[in-house]
């Protein structure tokens, strides 16, 4: 049961729902519920819990998807966004239940973390939010040098900035990102 196979259908329903089509929005939530139920049951079983709480987590996630649908970036895939919200709901549940990955048998902990590809999505979304808080030239310099792997001279040529301006922008930008991370999660 792979939700990614239904990405085009679910994304189309989401876009229609955002345009005000209530029938499409309801169909989206109904379609996602089966995938979320399977996800939560799998995660709960892996951490030694019964699947009984899965239904509550499904409902909490569907409510969060509904309430926060305006935050969905239409240019991005839908399913990573859905799973990021689902993962947040799972983590909240674990906190409320005073459980954590430390309660998982060691032989299953790595599998739980490795199979949860939403953490990579979540990190990417967090980085995107953090980078959005930087000045455009600083963001571009970091993107070129640190994320795209260009040399300072290539980044300077591509951006129209001097090499020293690229170096300064990257340095100051990384310092600003570090401060933002220390202050808490991105807004």
N, C-alpha and C. Protein backbone atom coordinates (compact mmCIF):
# COMPACT_ATOMS: atom_id res chain seq x y z
N UNK A 1 0.85 -1.17 0.00
CA UNK A 1 0.00 0.00 0.00
C UNK A 1 0.89 1.24 0.00
N UNK A 2 1.14 1.76 -1.18
CA UNK A 2 2.06 2.89 -1.32
C UNK A 2 1.28 4.13 -1.76
N UNK A 3 1.25 5.10 -0.88
CA UNK A 3 0.49 6.33 -1.14
C UNK A 3 1.04 7.09 -2.35
N UNK A 4 2.33 6.92 -2.60
CA UNK A 4 2.94 7.67 -3.71
C UNK A 4 2.34 7.30 -5.06
N UNK A 5 1.79 6.10 -5.15
CA UNK A 5 1.14 5.68 -6.40
C UNK A 5 -0.11 6.52 -6.67
N UNK A 6 -0.72 7.04 -5.62
CA UNK A 6 -1.92 7.85 -5.76
C UNK A 6 -1.64 9.35 -5.68
N UNK A 7 -0.37 9.74 -5.69
CA UNK A 7 0.01 11.15 -5.59
C UNK A 7 -0.75 12.03 -6.58
N UNK A 8 -0.78 11.69 -7.88
CA UNK A 8 -1.47 12.60 -8.83
C UNK A 8 -2.95 12.79 -8.49
N UNK A 9 -3.62 11.69 -8.14
CA UNK A 9 -5.05 11.76 -7.80
C UNK A 9 -5.26 12.59 -6.53
N UNK A 10 -4.49 12.30 -5.49
CA UNK A 10 -4.65 13.02 -4.23
C UNK A 10 -4.29 14.49 -4.39
N UNK A 11 -3.24 14.76 -5.15
CA UNK A 11 -2.83 16.15 -5.35
C UNK A 11 -3.92 16.93 -6.10
N UNK A 12 -4.52 16.29 -7.12
CA UNK A 12 -5.60 16.94 -7.86
C UNK A 12 -6.79 17.23 -6.95
N UNK A 13 -7.12 16.27 -6.08
CA UNK A 13 -8.21 16.49 -5.13
C UNK A 13 -7.88 17.63 -4.17
N UNK A 14 -6.64 17.69 -3.72
CA UNK A 14 -6.22 18.76 -2.80
C UNK A 14 -6.35 20.11 -3.48
N UNK A 15 -5.88 20.21 -4.71
CA UNK A 15 -5.95 21.48 -5.42
C UNK A 15 -7.39 21.92 -5.64
N UNK A 16 -8.25 20.96 -6.00
CA UNK A 16 -9.68 21.28 -6.16
C UNK A 16 -10.28 21.71 -4.83
N UNK A 17 -9.90 21.02 -3.76
CA UNK A 17 -10.39 21.38 -2.43
C UNK A 17 -9.96 22.78 -2.03
N UNK A 18 -8.73 23.14 -2.37
CA UNK A 18 -8.25 24.49 -2.07
C UNK A 18 -9.00 25.56 -2.88
N UNK A 19 -9.53 25.14 -4.01
CA UNK A 19 -10.31 26.06 -4.84
C UNK A 19 -11.76 26.18 -4.36
N UNK A 20 -12.11 25.39 -3.32
CA UNK A 20 -13.45 25.48 -2.75
C UNK A 20 -14.36 24.30 -3.05
N UNK A 21 -13.85 23.27 -3.71
CA UNK A 21 -14.64 22.09 -4.03
C UNK A 21 -14.71 21.18 -2.80
N UNK A 22 -15.83 21.25 -2.06
CA UNK A 22 -15.99 20.49 -0.82
C UNK A 22 -16.05 18.99 -1.09
N UNK A 23 -16.61 18.58 -2.21
CA UNK A 23 -16.70 17.16 -2.53
C UNK A 23 -15.30 16.58 -2.76
N UNK A 24 -14.46 17.32 -3.45
CA UNK A 24 -13.08 16.87 -3.68
C UNK A 24 -12.31 16.81 -2.37
N UNK A 25 -12.51 17.78 -1.52
CA UNK A 25 -11.82 17.81 -0.22
C UNK A 25 -12.23 16.60 0.63
N UNK A 26 -13.51 16.30 0.64
CA UNK A 26 -14.00 15.15 1.40
C UNK A 26 -13.44 13.85 0.82
N UNK A 27 -13.39 13.75 -0.50
CA UNK A 27 -12.82 12.56 -1.15
C UNK A 27 -11.34 12.40 -0.82
N UNK A 28 -10.63 13.52 -0.75
CA UNK A 28 -9.21 13.48 -0.40
C UNK A 28 -9.03 12.93 1.01
N UNK A 29 -9.75 13.47 1.97
CA UNK A 29 -9.62 13.02 3.35
C UNK A 29 -10.01 11.55 3.49
N UNK A 30 -11.04 11.14 2.79
CA UNK A 30 -11.46 9.74 2.85
C UNK A 30 -10.38 8.84 2.23
N UNK A 31 -9.82 9.24 1.13
CA UNK A 31 -8.77 8.46 0.47
C UNK A 31 -7.50 8.37 1.31
N UNK A 32 -7.14 9.47 1.93
CA UNK A 32 -5.92 9.48 2.76
C UNK A 32 -6.07 8.66 4.03
N UNK A 33 -7.29 8.55 4.53
CA UNK A 33 -7.50 7.88 5.82
C UNK A 33 -7.01 6.43 5.81
N UNK A 34 -7.19 5.70 4.72
CA UNK A 34 -6.72 4.31 4.66
C UNK A 34 -5.20 4.24 4.73
N UNK A 35 -4.53 5.13 4.05
CA UNK A 35 -3.07 5.15 4.08
C UNK A 35 -2.55 5.56 5.45
N UNK A 36 -3.19 6.56 6.05
CA UNK A 36 -2.77 6.99 7.37
C UNK A 36 -3.01 5.90 8.41
N UNK A 37 -4.13 5.20 8.30
CA UNK A 37 -4.43 4.11 9.24
C UNK A 37 -3.33 3.05 9.16
N UNK A 38 -2.95 2.66 7.95
CA UNK A 38 -1.89 1.66 7.77
C UNK A 38 -0.56 2.17 8.32
N UNK A 39 -0.26 3.43 8.07
CA UNK A 39 0.98 4.03 8.56
C UNK A 39 1.03 3.99 10.08
N UNK A 40 -0.03 4.48 10.73
CA UNK A 40 -0.03 4.52 12.19
C UNK A 40 -0.03 3.13 12.81
N UNK A 41 -0.80 2.22 12.24
CA UNK A 41 -0.79 0.86 12.78
C UNK A 41 0.61 0.26 12.71
N UNK A 42 1.27 0.45 11.58
CA UNK A 42 2.64 -0.06 11.42
C UNK A 42 3.60 0.55 12.41
N UNK A 43 3.51 1.85 12.60
CA UNK A 43 4.42 2.53 13.53
C UNK A 43 4.14 2.11 14.97
N UNK A 44 2.88 2.00 15.33
CA UNK A 44 2.53 1.62 16.70
C UNK A 44 2.96 0.18 17.01
N UNK A 45 2.78 -0.72 16.07
CA UNK A 45 3.19 -2.11 16.28
C UNK A 45 4.71 -2.18 16.45
N UNK A 46 5.44 -1.41 15.69
CA UNK A 46 6.90 -1.42 15.78
C UNK A 46 7.41 -0.96 17.13
N UNK A 47 6.67 -0.09 17.79
CA UNK A 47 7.13 0.39 19.09
C UNK A 47 6.46 -0.36 20.24
N UNK A 48 5.86 -1.50 19.89
CA UNK A 48 5.30 -2.36 20.93
C UNK A 48 3.95 -1.93 21.46
N UNK A 49 3.23 -1.18 20.69
CA UNK A 49 1.89 -0.75 21.10
C UNK A 49 0.88 -1.39 20.17
N UNK A 50 -0.31 -1.54 20.70
CA UNK A 50 -1.39 -2.09 19.88
C UNK A 50 -1.89 -1.08 18.88
N UNK A 51 -2.59 -1.54 17.88
CA UNK A 51 -3.09 -0.64 16.83
C UNK A 51 -4.32 0.16 17.24
N UNK A 52 -4.79 -0.01 18.48
CA UNK A 52 -6.03 0.65 18.90
C UNK A 52 -5.95 2.18 18.80
N UNK A 53 -4.80 2.75 19.08
CA UNK A 53 -4.66 4.21 19.05
C UNK A 53 -4.52 4.75 17.63
N UNK A 54 -4.38 3.86 16.67
CA UNK A 54 -4.19 4.30 15.29
C UNK A 54 -5.37 5.14 14.80
N UNK A 55 -6.58 4.74 15.15
CA UNK A 55 -7.76 5.47 14.67
C UNK A 55 -7.79 6.89 15.21
N UNK A 56 -7.42 7.06 16.48
CA UNK A 56 -7.36 8.41 17.05
C UNK A 56 -6.32 9.26 16.31
N UNK A 57 -5.18 8.65 16.01
CA UNK A 57 -4.14 9.38 15.28
C UNK A 57 -4.58 9.73 13.87
N UNK A 58 -5.32 8.83 13.23
CA UNK A 58 -5.85 9.12 11.89
C UNK A 58 -6.77 10.34 11.96
N UNK A 59 -7.67 10.34 12.92
CA UNK A 59 -8.61 11.46 13.05
C UNK A 59 -7.89 12.77 13.37
N UNK A 60 -6.92 12.72 14.27
CA UNK A 60 -6.16 13.93 14.60
C UNK A 60 -5.43 14.46 13.36
N UNK A 61 -4.88 13.55 12.57
CA UNK A 61 -4.14 13.96 11.38
C UNK A 61 -5.08 14.54 10.33
N UNK A 62 -6.23 13.91 10.13
CA UNK A 62 -7.19 14.43 9.15
C UNK A 62 -7.67 15.83 9.56
N UNK A 63 -7.89 16.03 10.85
CA UNK A 63 -8.30 17.35 11.34
C UNK A 63 -7.18 18.36 11.08
N UNK A 64 -5.94 17.98 11.37
CA UNK A 64 -4.80 18.88 11.13
C UNK A 64 -4.66 19.20 9.64
N UNK A 65 -4.84 18.19 8.79
CA UNK A 65 -4.76 18.42 7.35
C UNK A 65 -5.84 19.42 6.92
N UNK A 66 -7.02 19.26 7.47
CA UNK A 66 -8.12 20.16 7.12
C UNK A 66 -7.84 21.58 7.60
N UNK A 67 -7.44 21.70 8.84
CA UNK A 67 -7.21 23.02 9.44
C UNK A 67 -6.03 23.75 8.78
N UNK A 68 -4.99 22.99 8.46
CA UNK A 68 -3.76 23.60 7.94
C UNK A 68 -3.60 23.47 6.43
N UNK A 69 -4.67 23.15 5.73
CA UNK A 69 -4.56 22.94 4.27
C UNK A 69 -4.06 24.18 3.55
N UNK A 70 -4.30 25.35 4.12
CA UNK A 70 -3.84 26.59 3.50
C UNK A 70 -2.31 26.70 3.50
N UNK A 71 -1.62 25.89 4.31
CA UNK A 71 -0.15 25.95 4.36
C UNK A 71 0.50 25.06 3.29
N UNK A 72 -0.31 24.26 2.61
CA UNK A 72 0.23 23.39 1.57
C UNK A 72 0.76 24.22 0.41
N UNK A 73 1.99 23.95 0.02
CA UNK A 73 2.63 24.64 -1.11
C UNK A 73 2.23 23.91 -2.39
N UNK A 74 1.43 24.54 -3.21
CA UNK A 74 0.88 23.91 -4.42
C UNK A 74 1.95 23.45 -5.41
N UNK A 75 3.15 23.98 -5.28
CA UNK A 75 4.22 23.59 -6.21
C UNK A 75 4.93 22.32 -5.77
N UNK A 76 4.59 21.81 -4.58
CA UNK A 76 5.26 20.63 -4.03
C UNK A 76 4.35 19.41 -4.09
N UNK A 77 4.97 18.24 -3.91
CA UNK A 77 4.19 17.01 -3.82
C UNK A 77 3.32 17.05 -2.56
N UNK A 78 2.18 16.40 -2.62
CA UNK A 78 1.26 16.40 -1.48
C UNK A 78 1.64 15.36 -0.43
N UNK A 79 2.00 14.16 -0.86
CA UNK A 79 2.19 13.07 0.10
C UNK A 79 3.31 13.34 1.12
N UNK A 80 4.42 13.93 0.78
CA UNK A 80 5.41 14.24 1.82
C UNK A 80 4.86 15.22 2.86
N UNK A 81 4.04 16.16 2.42
CA UNK A 81 3.42 17.12 3.33
C UNK A 81 2.47 16.39 4.28
N UNK A 82 1.70 15.47 3.73
CA UNK A 82 0.76 14.68 4.55
C UNK A 82 1.53 13.87 5.58
N UNK A 83 2.59 13.18 5.15
CA UNK A 83 3.35 12.35 6.08
C UNK A 83 4.12 13.17 7.11
N UNK A 84 4.51 14.38 6.77
CA UNK A 84 5.17 15.23 7.76
C UNK A 84 4.19 15.56 8.88
N UNK A 85 2.95 15.88 8.52
CA UNK A 85 1.93 16.16 9.53
C UNK A 85 1.63 14.90 10.34
N UNK A 86 1.53 13.76 9.66
CA UNK A 86 1.26 12.49 10.35
C UNK A 86 2.39 12.19 11.34
N UNK A 87 3.60 12.43 10.93
CA UNK A 87 4.73 12.15 11.82
C UNK A 87 4.69 13.06 13.05
N UNK A 88 4.34 14.34 12.85
CA UNK A 88 4.20 15.24 13.99
C UNK A 88 3.13 14.73 14.96
N UNK A 89 2.03 14.23 14.42
CA UNK A 89 0.96 13.69 15.27
C UNK A 89 1.44 12.45 16.02
N UNK A 90 2.24 11.62 15.37
CA UNK A 90 2.78 10.43 16.03
C UNK A 90 3.73 10.83 17.16
N UNK A 91 4.58 11.80 16.90
CA UNK A 91 5.51 12.26 17.93
C UNK A 91 4.74 12.87 19.10
N UNK A 92 3.71 13.65 18.80
CA UNK A 92 2.88 14.22 19.87
C UNK A 92 2.25 13.10 20.70
N UNK A 93 1.76 12.07 20.04
CA UNK A 93 1.17 10.92 20.73
C UNK A 93 2.21 10.27 21.65
N UNK A 94 3.41 10.06 21.13
CA UNK A 94 4.46 9.42 21.93
C UNK A 94 4.81 10.27 23.14
N UNK A 95 4.82 11.58 22.98
CA UNK A 95 5.09 12.46 24.12
C UNK A 95 3.98 12.36 25.16
N UNK A 96 2.74 12.39 24.68
CA UNK A 96 1.60 12.28 25.60
C UNK A 96 1.61 10.94 26.33
N UNK A 97 2.01 9.90 25.62
CA UNK A 97 2.02 8.56 26.20
C UNK A 97 3.32 8.31 26.97
N UNK A 98 4.15 9.33 27.06
CA UNK A 98 5.45 9.23 27.73
C UNK A 98 6.26 8.06 27.17
N UNK A 99 6.22 7.96 25.85
CA UNK A 99 6.97 6.93 25.14
C UNK A 99 7.92 7.63 24.18
N UNK A 100 8.83 6.88 23.69
CA UNK A 100 9.73 7.41 22.68
C UNK A 100 10.40 6.26 21.98
N UNK A 101 11.24 6.59 21.05
CA UNK A 101 11.98 5.57 20.33
C UNK A 101 12.89 4.81 21.29
N UNK A 102 13.21 5.39 22.44
CA UNK A 102 14.06 4.67 23.40
C UNK A 102 13.33 3.48 24.01
N UNK A 103 12.00 3.45 23.91
CA UNK A 103 11.23 2.31 24.41
C UNK A 103 11.18 1.16 23.41
N UNK A 104 11.68 1.38 22.22
CA UNK A 104 11.64 0.38 21.17
C UNK A 104 12.81 -0.59 21.36
N UNK A 105 12.57 -1.89 21.19
CA UNK A 105 13.69 -2.83 21.25
C UNK A 105 14.77 -2.40 20.26
N UNK A 106 16.02 -2.53 20.66
CA UNK A 106 17.14 -2.02 19.86
C UNK A 106 17.16 -2.59 18.45
N UNK A 107 16.77 -3.85 18.30
CA UNK A 107 16.81 -4.45 16.96
C UNK A 107 15.76 -3.85 16.03
N UNK A 108 14.75 -3.16 16.59
CA UNK A 108 13.72 -2.56 15.74
C UNK A 108 13.87 -1.06 15.60
N UNK A 109 14.68 -0.44 16.43
CA UNK A 109 14.81 1.01 16.41
C UNK A 109 15.34 1.52 15.08
N UNK A 110 16.38 0.89 14.58
CA UNK A 110 16.95 1.33 13.31
C UNK A 110 15.95 1.18 12.17
N UNK A 111 15.18 0.08 12.20
CA UNK A 111 14.19 -0.15 11.16
C UNK A 111 13.10 0.92 11.20
N UNK A 112 12.68 1.28 12.41
CA UNK A 112 11.66 2.31 12.57
C UNK A 112 12.13 3.63 11.99
N UNK A 113 13.35 4.00 12.29
CA UNK A 113 13.89 5.27 11.81
C UNK A 113 14.21 5.21 10.33
N UNK A 114 14.71 4.08 9.84
CA UNK A 114 15.08 3.97 8.44
C UNK A 114 13.87 3.97 7.53
N UNK A 115 12.78 3.33 7.96
CA UNK A 115 11.59 3.24 7.12
C UNK A 115 10.78 4.52 7.11
N UNK A 116 11.02 5.40 8.03
CA UNK A 116 10.24 6.61 8.12
C UNK A 116 10.88 7.70 7.28
N UNK A 117 10.64 7.64 5.95
CA UNK A 117 11.27 8.60 5.05
C UNK A 117 10.69 10.00 5.22
N UNK A 118 9.65 10.14 6.02
CA UNK A 118 9.10 11.47 6.23
C UNK A 118 10.05 12.35 7.01
N UNK A 119 10.99 11.75 7.76
CA UNK A 119 11.95 12.58 8.50
C UNK A 119 12.83 13.36 7.53
N UNK A 120 13.17 12.75 6.42
CA UNK A 120 13.95 13.48 5.40
C UNK A 120 13.11 14.60 4.81
N UNK A 121 11.85 14.31 4.57
CA UNK A 121 10.95 15.33 4.04
C UNK A 121 10.81 16.46 5.04
N UNK A 122 10.61 16.09 6.30
CA UNK A 122 10.46 17.08 7.37
C UNK A 122 11.69 17.97 7.44
N UNK A 123 12.87 17.38 7.38
CA UNK A 123 14.10 18.17 7.43
C UNK A 123 14.18 19.12 6.25
N UNK A 124 13.81 18.64 5.08
CA UNK A 124 13.82 19.50 3.90
C UNK A 124 12.85 20.66 4.03
N UNK A 125 11.67 20.37 4.60
CA UNK A 125 10.69 21.43 4.80
C UNK A 125 11.19 22.44 5.83
N UNK A 126 11.83 21.94 6.90
CA UNK A 126 12.38 22.84 7.91
C UNK A 126 13.48 23.71 7.33
N UNK A 127 14.37 23.12 6.53
CA UNK A 127 15.44 23.89 5.91
C UNK A 127 14.86 24.96 4.99
N UNK A 128 13.83 24.59 4.24
CA UNK A 128 13.20 25.55 3.34
C UNK A 128 12.63 26.74 4.12
N UNK A 129 12.00 26.46 5.27
CA UNK A 129 11.45 27.52 6.10
C UNK A 129 12.55 28.40 6.68
N UNK A 130 13.63 27.77 7.12
CA UNK A 130 14.75 28.54 7.67
C UNK A 130 15.39 29.42 6.60
N UNK A 131 15.62 28.84 5.44
CA UNK A 131 16.25 29.59 4.35
C UNK A 131 15.39 30.76 3.90
N UNK A 132 14.07 30.60 3.99
CA UNK A 132 13.16 31.67 3.57
C UNK A 132 13.31 32.90 4.46
N UNK A 133 13.88 32.74 5.64
CA UNK A 133 14.05 33.86 6.56
C UNK A 133 15.31 34.67 6.27
N UNK A 134 16.13 34.18 5.37
CA UNK A 134 17.37 34.89 5.01
C UNK A 134 17.12 35.89 3.89
N UNK A 135 18.02 36.85 3.77
CA UNK A 135 17.96 37.80 2.66
C UNK A 135 18.17 37.03 1.35
N UNK A 136 17.54 37.47 0.27
CA UNK A 136 17.62 36.73 -0.99
C UNK A 136 19.05 36.43 -1.48
N UNK A 137 19.95 37.41 -1.40
CA UNK A 137 21.33 37.18 -1.86
C UNK A 137 22.04 36.16 -0.97
N UNK A 138 21.80 36.24 0.31
CA UNK A 138 22.41 35.29 1.25
C UNK A 138 21.87 33.89 0.98
N UNK A 139 20.56 33.79 0.82
CA UNK A 139 19.92 32.50 0.54
C UNK A 139 20.49 31.90 -0.75
N UNK A 140 20.64 32.74 -1.77
CA UNK A 140 21.16 32.28 -3.06
C UNK A 140 22.62 31.81 -2.93
N UNK A 141 23.42 32.54 -2.18
CA UNK A 141 24.82 32.16 -2.00
C UNK A 141 24.93 30.80 -1.30
N UNK A 142 24.15 30.60 -0.25
CA UNK A 142 24.16 29.32 0.46
C UNK A 142 23.66 28.21 -0.44
N UNK A 143 22.61 28.49 -1.18
CA UNK A 143 22.06 27.48 -2.10
C UNK A 143 23.12 27.03 -3.10
N UNK A 144 23.79 27.99 -3.72
CA UNK A 144 24.79 27.66 -4.73
C UNK A 144 25.98 26.91 -4.15
N UNK A 145 26.54 27.42 -3.05
CA UNK A 145 27.80 26.88 -2.53
C UNK A 145 27.57 25.64 -1.65
N UNK A 146 26.66 25.72 -0.72
CA UNK A 146 26.51 24.65 0.26
C UNK A 146 25.53 23.55 -0.18
N UNK A 147 24.49 23.92 -0.91
CA UNK A 147 23.49 22.92 -1.29
C UNK A 147 23.70 22.37 -2.70
N UNK A 148 24.06 23.26 -3.64
CA UNK A 148 24.27 22.81 -5.02
C UNK A 148 25.71 22.36 -5.27
N UNK A 149 26.63 22.70 -4.36
CA UNK A 149 28.01 22.25 -4.48
C UNK A 149 28.86 23.02 -5.47
N UNK A 150 28.45 24.22 -5.82
CA UNK A 150 29.26 25.03 -6.74
C UNK A 150 30.47 25.60 -5.99
N UNK A 151 31.51 25.88 -6.74
CA UNK A 151 32.66 26.56 -6.14
C UNK A 151 32.28 28.02 -5.92
N UNK A 152 33.08 28.70 -5.13
CA UNK A 152 32.81 30.12 -4.86
C UNK A 152 32.86 30.91 -6.17
N UNK A 153 33.82 30.60 -7.03
CA UNK A 153 33.91 31.34 -8.29
C UNK A 153 32.71 31.04 -9.20
N UNK A 154 32.25 29.80 -9.22
CA UNK A 154 31.06 29.46 -10.03
C UNK A 154 29.82 30.17 -9.49
N UNK A 155 29.69 30.19 -8.17
CA UNK A 155 28.55 30.86 -7.55
C UNK A 155 28.59 32.36 -7.83
N UNK A 156 29.79 32.94 -7.77
CA UNK A 156 29.94 34.37 -8.05
C UNK A 156 29.55 34.68 -9.49
N UNK A 157 29.99 33.85 -10.40
CA UNK A 157 29.67 34.06 -11.82
C UNK A 157 28.17 33.93 -12.06
N UNK A 158 27.57 32.92 -11.47
CA UNK A 158 26.15 32.66 -11.68
C UNK A 158 25.27 33.74 -11.06
N UNK A 159 25.70 34.28 -9.92
CA UNK A 159 24.86 35.26 -9.20
C UNK A 159 25.17 36.71 -9.56
N UNK A 160 26.33 36.94 -10.18
CA UNK A 160 26.72 38.31 -10.48
C UNK A 160 27.34 39.03 -9.29
N UNK A 161 27.65 38.28 -8.24
CA UNK A 161 28.29 38.85 -7.05
C UNK A 161 29.79 38.58 -7.14
N UNK A 162 30.56 39.31 -6.36
CA UNK A 162 31.99 39.04 -6.30
C UNK A 162 32.24 37.79 -5.46
N UNK A 163 33.42 37.19 -5.61
CA UNK A 163 33.75 36.00 -4.83
C UNK A 163 33.77 36.32 -3.34
N UNK A 164 34.31 37.49 -2.99
CA UNK A 164 34.35 37.84 -1.57
C UNK A 164 32.94 38.05 -1.02
N UNK A 165 32.05 38.62 -1.83
CA UNK A 165 30.65 38.81 -1.39
C UNK A 165 29.97 37.45 -1.17
N UNK A 166 30.29 36.49 -2.02
CA UNK A 166 29.74 35.13 -1.87
C UNK A 166 30.23 34.54 -0.54
N UNK A 167 31.53 34.64 -0.30
CA UNK A 167 32.10 34.09 0.94
C UNK A 167 31.48 34.72 2.17
N UNK A 168 31.35 36.04 2.15
CA UNK A 168 30.78 36.75 3.29
C UNK A 168 29.30 36.37 3.47
N UNK A 169 28.57 36.30 2.36
CA UNK A 169 27.15 35.93 2.44
C UNK A 169 26.95 34.53 3.00
N UNK A 170 27.78 33.60 2.55
CA UNK A 170 27.68 32.23 3.05
C UNK A 170 28.00 32.19 4.54
N UNK A 171 29.08 32.85 4.92
CA UNK A 171 29.48 32.86 6.33
C UNK A 171 28.39 33.47 7.21
N UNK A 172 27.92 34.64 6.84
CA UNK A 172 26.89 35.31 7.64
C UNK A 172 25.58 34.54 7.62
N UNK A 173 25.26 33.98 6.47
CA UNK A 173 24.02 33.20 6.35
C UNK A 173 24.03 31.95 7.22
N UNK A 174 25.15 31.25 7.23
CA UNK A 174 25.25 30.06 8.07
C UNK A 174 25.18 30.42 9.55
N UNK A 175 25.78 31.54 9.90
CA UNK A 175 25.71 32.01 11.29
C UNK A 175 24.26 32.34 11.64
N UNK A 176 23.54 33.00 10.72
CA UNK A 176 22.14 33.34 10.96
C UNK A 176 21.27 32.09 11.07
N UNK A 177 21.53 31.10 10.20
CA UNK A 177 20.78 29.84 10.27
C UNK A 177 21.02 29.14 11.60
N UNK A 178 22.26 29.16 12.03
CA UNK A 178 22.60 28.53 13.31
C UNK A 178 21.84 29.21 14.45
N UNK A 179 21.76 30.50 14.42
CA UNK A 179 21.02 31.26 15.44
C UNK A 179 19.54 30.90 15.38
N UNK A 180 18.98 30.83 14.17
CA UNK A 180 17.57 30.49 14.02
C UNK A 180 17.28 29.10 14.58
N UNK A 181 18.17 28.15 14.34
CA UNK A 181 17.98 26.80 14.84
C UNK A 181 18.03 26.79 16.37
N UNK A 182 18.97 27.52 16.94
CA UNK A 182 19.09 27.58 18.40
C UNK A 182 17.86 28.23 19.04
N UNK A 183 17.24 29.16 18.32
CA UNK A 183 16.07 29.86 18.86
C UNK A 183 14.82 28.99 18.82
N UNK A 184 14.83 27.95 18.06
CA UNK A 184 13.65 27.08 17.99
C UNK A 184 13.30 26.77 16.57
N UNK A 185 12.21 26.03 16.43
CA UNK A 185 11.79 25.58 15.11
C UNK A 185 11.38 26.75 14.24
N UNK A 186 11.48 26.56 12.91
CA UNK A 186 11.14 27.65 11.99
C UNK A 186 9.66 27.99 12.07
N UNK A 187 9.36 29.23 11.79
CA UNK A 187 7.96 29.67 11.84
C UNK A 187 7.20 29.21 10.64
